[in-house]
Protein backbone atom coordinates (compact mmCIF):
# COMPACT_ATOMS: atom_id res chain seq x y z
CA MET A 1 93.94 172.28 93.64
CA SER A 2 94.48 169.45 96.10
CA PHE A 3 96.03 169.85 99.52
CA LEU A 4 99.33 168.25 98.48
CA ASP A 5 99.61 170.44 95.37
CA ASN A 6 98.96 173.51 97.50
CA LEU A 7 101.54 172.40 100.07
CA GLU A 8 104.13 171.74 97.37
CA SER A 9 103.46 175.16 95.85
CA ASN A 10 103.87 176.86 99.23
CA LEU A 11 107.14 175.02 99.93
CA LYS A 12 108.56 176.01 96.55
CA ALA A 13 107.60 179.64 97.17
CA LEU A 14 109.32 179.59 100.57
CA GLU A 15 112.45 178.01 99.15
CA SER A 16 112.72 180.51 96.34
CA ARG A 17 112.20 183.42 98.75
CA ASP A 18 115.01 182.13 101.00
CA GLU A 19 117.31 181.69 98.03
CA ARG A 20 116.79 185.30 96.97
CA ASP A 21 117.64 186.75 100.40
CA PRO A 22 121.41 187.35 100.33
CA LYS A 23 121.56 188.35 104.01
CA ALA A 24 120.06 185.04 105.12
CA PHE A 25 122.42 183.18 102.83
CA ALA A 26 125.40 185.10 104.26
CA ARG A 27 124.29 184.37 107.84
CA GLU A 28 123.94 180.65 107.10
CA ALA A 29 127.36 180.60 105.46
CA ALA A 30 128.91 182.33 108.49
CA VAL A 31 127.30 179.83 110.85
CA ARG A 32 128.53 176.91 108.73
CA GLU A 33 132.05 178.34 108.62
CA ALA A 34 132.14 178.94 112.40
CA SER A 35 130.92 175.39 113.02
CA ARG A 36 133.51 173.98 110.66
CA SER A 37 136.28 176.04 112.25
CA ALA A 38 135.32 174.87 115.75
CA ALA A 39 135.23 171.25 114.59
CA LEU A 40 138.70 171.57 113.06
CA GLN A 41 140.08 173.08 116.28
CA ILE A 42 138.78 170.28 118.52
CA ALA A 43 139.51 167.46 116.05
CA PRO A 44 143.01 166.59 117.33
CA HIS A 45 141.81 166.40 120.93
CA ALA A 46 138.69 164.43 119.99
CA ASP A 47 140.83 161.98 118.00
CA ALA A 48 143.27 161.57 120.88
CA LEU A 49 140.37 160.91 123.25
CA ARG A 50 138.69 158.42 120.93
CA ASN A 51 141.80 156.47 119.88
CA GLY A 52 144.19 156.90 122.79
CA PRO A 53 144.78 154.59 125.75
CA PHE A 54 143.18 156.98 128.28
CA LEU A 55 139.62 156.00 127.38
CA ASN A 56 140.21 152.25 127.68
CA GLY A 57 141.94 152.79 131.01
CA LEU A 58 139.03 154.90 132.25
CA LEU A 59 136.47 152.30 131.24
CA THR A 60 138.49 149.52 132.87
CA ALA A 61 138.89 151.55 136.07
CA CYS A 62 135.15 152.33 136.20
CA ARG A 63 134.37 148.64 135.77
CA ASP A 64 136.89 147.59 138.43
CA ILE A 65 135.71 150.20 140.94
CA GLY A 66 132.00 150.01 140.18
CA HIS A 67 131.54 146.24 139.99
CA PRO A 68 132.19 145.43 143.68
CA ARG A 69 129.89 148.31 144.70
CA ARG A 70 127.23 147.17 142.25
CA ILE A 71 127.36 150.40 140.26
CA LEU A 72 126.41 150.06 136.61
CA VAL A 73 128.33 152.51 134.43
CA ARG A 74 126.92 153.20 130.97
CA ALA A 75 129.10 154.72 128.27
CA VAL A 76 127.96 156.61 125.18
CA TRP A 77 129.46 158.84 122.49
CA VAL A 78 127.58 162.03 121.67
CA ASP A 79 129.28 163.56 118.63
CA SER A 80 132.85 164.10 119.86
CA MET A 81 131.91 164.06 123.57
CA PHE A 82 132.22 160.86 125.64
CA ARG A 83 129.72 160.41 128.47
CA LEU A 84 129.71 157.98 131.39
CA GLU A 85 126.45 157.67 133.35
CA THR A 86 125.45 155.99 136.56
CA GLY A 87 122.08 156.83 138.03
CA ALA A 88 121.69 160.61 138.07
CA LYS A 89 125.44 161.19 137.88
CA ARG A 90 127.41 161.86 134.71
CA LEU A 91 131.00 162.34 133.71
CA GLU A 92 131.43 164.03 130.35
CA LEU A 93 134.75 164.24 128.53
CA ARG A 94 134.39 167.22 126.21
CA PRO A 95 137.09 167.98 123.63
CA THR A 96 137.74 171.73 123.37
CA PRO A 97 140.21 173.73 121.28
CA SER A 98 142.57 173.85 124.28
CA GLY A 99 142.30 170.17 125.33
CA VAL A 100 139.82 167.80 126.94
CA LEU A 101 137.56 168.98 129.74
CA ALA A 102 136.15 166.54 132.34
CA VAL A 103 132.74 167.73 133.57
CA LEU A 104 131.10 166.13 136.61
CA LEU A 105 127.31 166.48 136.64
CA VAL A 106 124.75 165.47 139.27
CA GLU A 107 121.10 165.43 138.21
CA GLY A 108 121.98 167.47 135.12
CA ARG A 109 123.71 170.26 137.07
CA GLU A 110 127.40 170.85 136.63
CA GLN A 111 129.31 170.26 139.86
CA GLU A 112 132.87 170.60 138.65
CA SER A 113 134.86 170.88 135.46
CA THR A 114 138.59 170.33 135.14
CA PRO A 115 140.94 170.03 132.19
CA ILE A 116 142.50 166.59 131.95
CA ASP A 117 145.74 165.39 130.47
CA LEU A 118 145.16 162.33 128.30
CA SER A 119 148.59 161.02 129.26
CA SER A 120 147.67 161.02 132.98
CA ASP A 121 146.31 158.13 135.04
CA PRO A 122 142.61 157.52 134.22
CA VAL A 123 142.13 155.59 137.49
CA LYS A 124 142.31 158.83 139.48
CA LEU A 125 139.51 160.36 137.42
CA ALA A 126 137.36 157.24 137.80
CA GLU A 127 137.91 157.17 141.57
CA LYS A 128 137.04 160.85 141.86
CA TRP A 129 133.86 160.46 139.81
CA LEU A 130 132.67 157.28 141.54
CA GLU A 131 133.48 158.86 144.92
CA VAL A 132 131.03 161.63 144.03
CA GLU A 133 128.53 158.82 143.39
CA LYS A 134 129.27 157.24 146.77
CA ASN A 135 128.91 160.51 148.71
CA ALA A 136 125.69 161.45 146.89
CA LEU A 137 124.03 158.23 148.08
CA ARG A 138 124.54 159.02 151.76
């Protein structure tokens, strides 16, 4: 028997053993259902963040504040979370079942987290975050 045949045989045996274990199947189903439920709860807030005017205002404010100070702000989506990065500093906008949470991180450590209202002024959040950047450089 060749190595690949042996490997295929072992994989089939493992798969059939997992399929026969009802407890493992029930645990996986519970995890899938919990994940689905959480995604459904945050979906309205994630959609409002992604498609609302707050995000464009925040990006514009970061550009307007950062450009004269020569601060490059990088933006990236990670699943439903929106992240702004500059150097070792991050601002993460995390949708939760109760709203959107703004988390300020410095070198990967959480400094502050506050709930934000997506109908509020995004310039204030940008100023606060880039002020953290300014003070950290001193």
